[in-house]
Amino acid sequence: MMKQHEGIFTIDHRASPGLTKADLAKAGVSGPAVAEGEIFEAATMTCGHACGAIVIKNPDRVRARGHCHSCDQYICDSCAIAYTQDGLCRAKAKVADHVLEQHFRADAGMTPLLQLPWDAPGNISGQNP
């Protein structure tokens, strides 16, 4: 994917006691064990679909990352599964535009638009119910 759409995640333990793998296990969380005096940095990407998840990229990942050919955006694994199953683009801008248009039409007393294929009562996130 394009580097311009990446961010960076940093854990800076230069002035802290750091965390060991045992500390992480005791807390019930997963992640990098960053020892005292160390810095951990990893690239991040934001899902281009409605969930907007920020994903910390695993540099050791070998399988392909999700990509929507309709909006030409990186998509997270959860959205990639939905996209693979039904081929529907749930781009943030598309979902937001649809929601705003529905509210405008309701306020103006106009006929609502047809529901998007993933619409369900009370579901405005754009995700499958």
N, C-alpha and C. Protein backbone atom coordinates (compact mmCIF):
# COMPACT_ATOMS: atom_id res chain seq x y z
N MET A 1 0.83 -1.18 0.00
CA MET A 1 0.00 0.00 0.00
C MET A 1 0.88 1.25 0.00
N MET A 2 0.26 2.37 -0.22
CA MET A 2 0.99 3.61 -0.32
C MET A 2 1.40 4.11 1.06
N LYS A 3 2.66 4.50 1.20
CA LYS A 3 3.19 4.97 2.47
C LYS A 3 2.50 6.24 2.97
N GLN A 4 1.95 7.06 2.08
CA GLN A 4 1.32 8.31 2.51
C GLN A 4 0.08 8.08 3.36
N HIS A 5 -0.48 6.87 3.34
CA HIS A 5 -1.66 6.56 4.13
C HIS A 5 -1.31 5.85 5.43
N GLU A 6 -0.02 5.79 5.75
CA GLU A 6 0.42 5.13 6.96
C GLU A 6 0.64 6.14 8.07
N GLY A 7 0.51 5.64 9.28
CA GLY A 7 0.87 6.41 10.47
C GLY A 7 1.95 5.63 11.20
N ILE A 8 2.23 6.03 12.42
CA ILE A 8 3.23 5.32 13.20
C ILE A 8 2.75 5.17 14.64
N PHE A 9 2.99 3.99 15.19
CA PHE A 9 2.67 3.67 16.58
C PHE A 9 3.98 3.56 17.32
N THR A 10 4.10 4.27 18.43
CA THR A 10 5.36 4.28 19.18
C THR A 10 5.12 3.96 20.65
N ILE A 11 5.94 3.06 21.19
CA ILE A 11 6.01 2.81 22.63
C ILE A 11 7.41 3.23 23.05
N ASP A 12 7.51 4.24 23.88
CA ASP A 12 8.80 4.80 24.30
C ASP A 12 9.02 4.51 25.78
N HIS A 13 9.92 3.57 26.07
CA HIS A 13 10.25 3.22 27.45
C HIS A 13 11.67 3.66 27.82
N ARG A 14 12.12 4.74 27.21
CA ARG A 14 13.46 5.24 27.55
C ARG A 14 13.52 5.75 28.98
N ALA A 15 12.40 6.20 29.51
CA ALA A 15 12.40 6.74 30.87
C ALA A 15 11.38 5.99 31.75
N SER A 16 11.20 4.71 31.49
CA SER A 16 10.28 3.92 32.29
C SER A 16 10.87 2.53 32.51
N PRO A 17 10.30 1.77 33.45
CA PRO A 17 10.85 0.44 33.72
C PRO A 17 10.56 -0.58 32.63
N GLY A 18 9.70 -0.24 31.67
CA GLY A 18 9.40 -1.15 30.57
C GLY A 18 8.46 -2.27 30.98
N LEU A 19 8.20 -3.16 30.03
CA LEU A 19 7.33 -4.31 30.25
C LEU A 19 7.98 -5.57 29.71
N THR A 20 7.81 -6.66 30.45
CA THR A 20 8.30 -7.95 29.99
C THR A 20 7.14 -8.75 29.44
N LYS A 21 7.44 -9.88 28.80
CA LYS A 21 6.38 -10.76 28.31
C LYS A 21 5.53 -11.27 29.47
N ALA A 22 6.17 -11.49 30.62
CA ALA A 22 5.43 -11.94 31.81
C ALA A 22 4.45 -10.86 32.28
N ASP A 23 4.87 -9.59 32.23
CA ASP A 23 3.99 -8.49 32.61
C ASP A 23 2.76 -8.44 31.70
N LEU A 24 2.98 -8.61 30.42
CA LEU A 24 1.87 -8.58 29.46
C LEU A 24 0.92 -9.74 29.68
N ALA A 25 1.48 -10.94 29.92
CA ALA A 25 0.66 -12.12 30.15
C ALA A 25 -0.16 -11.95 31.43
N LYS A 26 0.45 -11.43 32.48
CA LYS A 26 -0.25 -11.21 33.75
C LYS A 26 -1.42 -10.24 33.57
N ALA A 27 -1.23 -9.22 32.72
CA ALA A 27 -2.29 -8.24 32.46
C ALA A 27 -3.33 -8.76 31.46
N GLY A 28 -3.03 -9.89 30.82
CA GLY A 28 -3.97 -10.47 29.86
C GLY A 28 -4.02 -9.74 28.53
N VAL A 29 -2.93 -9.10 28.16
CA VAL A 29 -2.87 -8.39 26.88
C VAL A 29 -1.74 -8.96 26.03
N SER A 30 -1.88 -8.76 24.73
CA SER A 30 -0.81 -9.17 23.82
C SER A 30 -0.17 -7.93 23.24
N GLY A 31 1.02 -8.07 22.79
CA GLY A 31 1.73 -6.95 22.19
C GLY A 31 3.21 -7.11 22.40
N PRO A 32 3.96 -6.15 21.92
CA PRO A 32 5.41 -6.26 22.04
C PRO A 32 5.87 -5.97 23.47
N ALA A 33 6.80 -6.78 23.96
CA ALA A 33 7.42 -6.52 25.26
C ALA A 33 8.55 -5.53 25.01
N VAL A 34 8.38 -4.31 25.50
CA VAL A 34 9.38 -3.26 25.30
C VAL A 34 10.07 -3.03 26.63
N ALA A 35 11.32 -3.40 26.68
CA ALA A 35 12.08 -3.35 27.93
C ALA A 35 12.48 -1.92 28.28
N GLU A 36 12.99 -1.77 29.50
CA GLU A 36 13.46 -0.47 29.97
C GLU A 36 14.51 0.09 29.01
N GLY A 37 14.35 1.36 28.67
CA GLY A 37 15.33 2.03 27.80
C GLY A 37 15.13 1.79 26.31
N GLU A 38 14.10 1.04 25.94
CA GLU A 38 13.88 0.72 24.53
C GLU A 38 12.72 1.52 23.94
N ILE A 39 12.70 1.57 22.62
CA ILE A 39 11.61 2.19 21.86
C ILE A 39 11.12 1.17 20.85
N PHE A 40 9.80 1.06 20.74
CA PHE A 40 9.18 0.20 19.73
C PHE A 40 8.40 1.09 18.78
N GLU A 41 8.60 0.90 17.49
CA GLU A 41 7.83 1.65 16.49
C GLU A 41 7.32 0.68 15.42
N ALA A 42 6.10 0.91 14.98
CA ALA A 42 5.51 0.09 13.92
C ALA A 42 4.60 0.97 13.07
N ALA A 43 4.51 0.64 11.80
CA ALA A 43 3.63 1.37 10.89
C ALA A 43 2.18 1.02 11.19
N THR A 44 1.28 1.98 10.98
CA THR A 44 -0.16 1.75 11.13
C THR A 44 -0.87 2.12 9.84
N MET A 45 -2.04 1.53 9.66
CA MET A 45 -2.89 1.87 8.53
C MET A 45 -4.32 1.98 9.04
N THR A 46 -5.10 2.88 8.45
CA THR A 46 -6.50 3.06 8.82
C THR A 46 -7.37 2.40 7.77
N CYS A 47 -8.33 1.62 8.22
CA CYS A 47 -9.25 0.95 7.30
C CYS A 47 -10.06 2.00 6.54
N GLY A 48 -10.14 1.86 5.24
CA GLY A 48 -10.85 2.81 4.40
C GLY A 48 -12.36 2.62 4.41
N HIS A 49 -12.83 1.54 5.03
CA HIS A 49 -14.27 1.31 5.10
C HIS A 49 -14.81 1.86 6.40
N ALA A 50 -16.10 1.72 6.62
CA ALA A 50 -16.81 2.43 7.67
C ALA A 50 -16.33 2.14 9.09
N CYS A 51 -15.67 1.01 9.33
CA CYS A 51 -15.24 0.73 10.71
C CYS A 51 -14.13 1.68 11.13
N GLY A 52 -13.29 2.11 10.19
CA GLY A 52 -12.22 3.07 10.49
C GLY A 52 -11.17 2.56 11.44
N ALA A 53 -11.02 1.25 11.57
CA ALA A 53 -10.05 0.66 12.50
C ALA A 53 -8.63 1.09 12.14
N ILE A 54 -7.84 1.36 13.16
CA ILE A 54 -6.42 1.62 12.95
C ILE A 54 -5.69 0.32 13.24
N VAL A 55 -4.98 -0.19 12.25
CA VAL A 55 -4.32 -1.47 12.34
C VAL A 55 -2.82 -1.26 12.45
N ILE A 56 -2.21 -1.90 13.45
CA ILE A 56 -0.75 -1.87 13.58
C ILE A 56 -0.22 -2.96 12.67
N LYS A 57 0.56 -2.58 11.69
CA LYS A 57 1.05 -3.55 10.70
C LYS A 57 2.09 -4.48 11.32
N ASN A 58 1.90 -5.75 11.06
CA ASN A 58 2.85 -6.77 11.48
C ASN A 58 3.86 -6.93 10.35
N PRO A 59 5.13 -6.57 10.58
CA PRO A 59 6.11 -6.67 9.50
C PRO A 59 6.38 -8.11 9.06
N ASP A 60 6.00 -9.08 9.89
CA ASP A 60 6.24 -10.49 9.55
C ASP A 60 5.06 -11.12 8.80
N ARG A 61 4.01 -10.36 8.55
CA ARG A 61 2.83 -10.90 7.87
C ARG A 61 3.19 -11.28 6.44
N VAL A 62 2.74 -12.47 6.02
CA VAL A 62 3.03 -12.94 4.67
C VAL A 62 1.80 -12.93 3.76
N ARG A 63 0.60 -13.06 4.34
CA ARG A 63 -0.60 -13.05 3.49
C ARG A 63 -0.94 -11.62 3.09
N ALA A 64 -1.65 -11.51 1.99
CA ALA A 64 -2.00 -10.19 1.44
C ALA A 64 -2.93 -9.44 2.38
N ARG A 65 -2.81 -8.13 2.38
CA ARG A 65 -3.72 -7.28 3.17
C ARG A 65 -4.95 -6.99 2.32
N GLY A 66 -6.06 -6.70 3.01
CA GLY A 66 -7.32 -6.43 2.31
C GLY A 66 -7.25 -5.15 1.50
N HIS A 67 -7.91 -5.16 0.36
CA HIS A 67 -7.96 -3.98 -0.50
C HIS A 67 -9.29 -3.98 -1.23
N CYS A 68 -9.98 -2.84 -1.19
CA CYS A 68 -11.25 -2.70 -1.89
C CYS A 68 -10.97 -2.10 -3.26
N HIS A 69 -11.35 -2.81 -4.30
CA HIS A 69 -11.09 -2.34 -5.67
C HIS A 69 -12.06 -1.24 -6.08
N SER A 70 -13.18 -1.13 -5.37
CA SER A 70 -14.15 -0.10 -5.71
C SER A 70 -13.68 1.29 -5.26
N CYS A 71 -13.22 1.40 -4.00
CA CYS A 71 -12.76 2.70 -3.49
C CYS A 71 -11.24 2.82 -3.48
N ASP A 72 -10.54 1.75 -3.86
CA ASP A 72 -9.08 1.71 -3.94
C ASP A 72 -8.43 2.08 -2.60
N GLN A 73 -8.95 1.49 -1.52
CA GLN A 73 -8.45 1.74 -0.19
C GLN A 73 -8.04 0.44 0.48
N TYR A 74 -7.07 0.56 1.42
CA TYR A 74 -6.74 -0.55 2.30
C TYR A 74 -7.95 -0.81 3.20
N ILE A 75 -8.28 -2.08 3.45
CA ILE A 75 -9.34 -2.41 4.40
C ILE A 75 -8.81 -3.45 5.38
N CYS A 76 -9.29 -3.37 6.62
CA CYS A 76 -8.84 -4.28 7.68
C CYS A 76 -9.35 -5.70 7.40
N ASP A 77 -8.86 -6.65 8.18
CA ASP A 77 -9.24 -8.05 7.96
C ASP A 77 -10.75 -8.27 8.12
N SER A 78 -11.38 -7.61 9.11
CA SER A 78 -12.83 -7.79 9.32
C SER A 78 -13.61 -7.29 8.11
N CYS A 79 -13.27 -6.12 7.62
CA CYS A 79 -13.97 -5.58 6.44
C CYS A 79 -13.63 -6.38 5.18
N ALA A 80 -12.42 -6.91 5.12
CA ALA A 80 -12.02 -7.72 3.96
C ALA A 80 -12.86 -8.99 3.88
N ILE A 81 -13.19 -9.57 5.03
CA ILE A 81 -14.03 -10.76 5.04
C ILE A 81 -15.41 -10.42 4.48
N ALA A 82 -16.00 -9.32 4.97
CA ALA A 82 -17.33 -8.91 4.47
C ALA A 82 -17.26 -8.60 2.98
N TYR A 83 -16.21 -7.90 2.55
CA TYR A 83 -16.05 -7.53 1.13
C TYR A 83 -15.91 -8.78 0.26
N THR A 84 -15.18 -9.77 0.75
CA THR A 84 -14.99 -11.02 0.01
C THR A 84 -16.31 -11.77 -0.12
N GLN A 85 -17.13 -11.71 0.93
CA GLN A 85 -18.41 -12.44 0.91
C GLN A 85 -19.44 -11.81 -0.01
N ASP A 86 -19.54 -10.45 -0.01
CA ASP A 86 -20.62 -9.84 -0.78
C ASP A 86 -20.18 -8.82 -1.83
N GLY A 87 -18.88 -8.46 -1.85
CA GLY A 87 -18.37 -7.54 -2.87
C GLY A 87 -18.84 -6.11 -2.73
N LEU A 88 -19.44 -5.74 -1.57
CA LEU A 88 -19.96 -4.40 -1.37
C LEU A 88 -18.91 -3.47 -0.76
N CYS A 89 -18.77 -2.30 -1.36
CA CYS A 89 -17.87 -1.28 -0.84
C CYS A 89 -18.59 -0.51 0.26
N ARG A 90 -17.96 -0.42 1.43
CA ARG A 90 -18.53 0.31 2.56
C ARG A 90 -17.62 1.48 2.93
N ALA A 91 -17.17 2.20 1.92
CA ALA A 91 -16.26 3.32 2.15
C ALA A 91 -16.88 4.32 3.11
N LYS A 92 -16.05 4.87 4.02
CA LYS A 92 -16.55 5.82 5.02
C LYS A 92 -17.32 6.96 4.38
N ALA A 93 -16.80 7.53 3.34
CA ALA A 93 -17.46 8.67 2.69
C ALA A 93 -18.81 8.27 2.12
N LYS A 94 -18.90 7.09 1.54
CA LYS A 94 -20.15 6.61 0.95
C LYS A 94 -21.20 6.39 2.03
N VAL A 95 -20.81 5.76 3.13
CA VAL A 95 -21.75 5.50 4.22
C VAL A 95 -22.19 6.81 4.87
N ALA A 96 -21.24 7.71 5.13
CA ALA A 96 -21.57 9.00 5.75
C ALA A 96 -22.52 9.80 4.85
N ASP A 97 -22.25 9.82 3.56
CA ASP A 97 -23.11 10.54 2.63
C ASP A 97 -24.53 9.97 2.64
N HIS A 98 -24.63 8.66 2.66
CA HIS A 98 -25.95 8.01 2.67
C HIS A 98 -26.71 8.35 3.96
N VAL A 99 -26.03 8.29 5.10
CA VAL A 99 -26.68 8.59 6.38
C VAL A 99 -27.14 10.04 6.42
N LEU A 100 -26.27 10.96 6.00
CA LEU A 100 -26.64 12.37 5.99
C LEU A 100 -27.81 12.64 5.04
N GLU A 101 -27.79 12.01 3.88
CA GLU A 101 -28.89 12.19 2.92
C GLU A 101 -30.20 11.66 3.50
N GLN A 102 -30.15 10.52 4.20
CA GLN A 102 -31.36 9.97 4.81
C GLN A 102 -31.93 10.93 5.85
N HIS A 103 -31.04 11.50 6.69
CA HIS A 103 -31.50 12.45 7.71
C HIS A 103 -32.06 13.72 7.07
N PHE A 104 -31.40 14.22 6.04
CA PHE A 104 -31.90 15.39 5.33
C PHE A 104 -33.29 15.13 4.77
N ARG A 105 -33.45 13.99 4.11
CA ARG A 105 -34.74 13.65 3.51
C ARG A 105 -35.83 13.49 4.57
N ALA A 106 -35.47 12.89 5.70
CA ALA A 106 -36.45 12.72 6.78
C ALA A 106 -36.87 14.08 7.34
N ASP A 107 -35.91 14.97 7.56
CA ASP A 107 -36.21 16.31 8.08
C ASP A 107 -37.05 17.13 7.10
N ALA A 108 -36.84 16.92 5.81
CA ALA A 108 -37.55 17.68 4.78
C ALA A 108 -38.88 17.04 4.38
N GLY A 109 -39.20 15.90 5.00
CA GLY A 109 -40.45 15.22 4.67
C GLY A 109 -40.42 14.54 3.31
N MET A 110 -39.21 14.25 2.81
CA MET A 110 -39.08 13.62 1.50
C MET A 110 -39.05 12.10 1.63
N THR A 111 -39.26 11.43 0.54
CA THR A 111 -39.18 9.98 0.49
C THR A 111 -37.73 9.55 0.75
N PRO A 112 -37.52 8.60 1.64
CA PRO A 112 -36.14 8.16 1.90
C PRO A 112 -35.55 7.43 0.71
N LEU A 113 -34.23 7.43 0.65
CA LEU A 113 -33.52 6.66 -0.38
C LEU A 113 -33.73 5.18 -0.12
N LEU A 114 -33.49 4.38 -1.12
CA LEU A 114 -33.48 2.94 -0.90
C LEU A 114 -32.38 2.63 0.09
N GLN A 115 -32.61 1.61 0.91
CA GLN A 115 -31.59 1.23 1.88
C GLN A 115 -30.39 0.63 1.15
N LEU A 116 -29.22 0.91 1.70
CA LEU A 116 -28.02 0.25 1.19
C LEU A 116 -28.11 -1.22 1.56
N PRO A 117 -27.46 -2.11 0.83
CA PRO A 117 -27.60 -3.55 1.07
C PRO A 117 -27.28 -3.99 2.49
N TRP A 118 -26.41 -3.27 3.19
CA TRP A 118 -26.04 -3.69 4.54
C TRP A 118 -26.83 -2.94 5.62
N ASP A 119 -27.75 -2.07 5.20
CA ASP A 119 -28.55 -1.32 6.18
C ASP A 119 -29.45 -2.26 6.99
N ALA A 120 -29.58 -1.93 8.22
CA ALA A 120 -30.52 -2.61 9.11
C ALA A 120 -31.02 -1.56 10.08
N PRO A 121 -32.21 -1.72 10.63
CA PRO A 121 -32.71 -0.73 11.57
C PRO A 121 -31.72 -0.49 12.72
N GLY A 122 -31.37 0.77 12.94
CA GLY A 122 -30.46 1.12 14.02
C GLY A 122 -28.99 0.92 13.70
N ASN A 123 -28.65 0.46 12.49
CA ASN A 123 -27.26 0.20 12.13
C ASN A 123 -26.81 1.28 11.16
N ILE A 124 -26.09 2.29 11.67
CA ILE A 124 -25.60 3.36 10.79
C ILE A 124 -24.10 3.27 10.60
N SER A 125 -23.48 2.22 11.13
CA SER A 125 -22.03 2.13 11.05
C SER A 125 -21.55 1.65 9.69
N GLY A 126 -22.45 1.05 8.90
CA GLY A 126 -22.02 0.51 7.61
C GLY A 126 -21.52 -0.90 7.70
N GLN A 127 -21.46 -1.46 8.90
CA GLN A 127 -20.98 -2.83 9.07
C GLN A 127 -22.16 -3.78 8.98
N ASN A 128 -21.88 -5.00 8.61
CA ASN A 128 -22.93 -6.01 8.58
C ASN A 128 -23.45 -6.22 9.98
N PRO A 129 -24.75 -6.37 10.16
CA PRO A 129 -25.30 -6.59 11.51
C PRO A 129 -24.86 -7.91 12.08
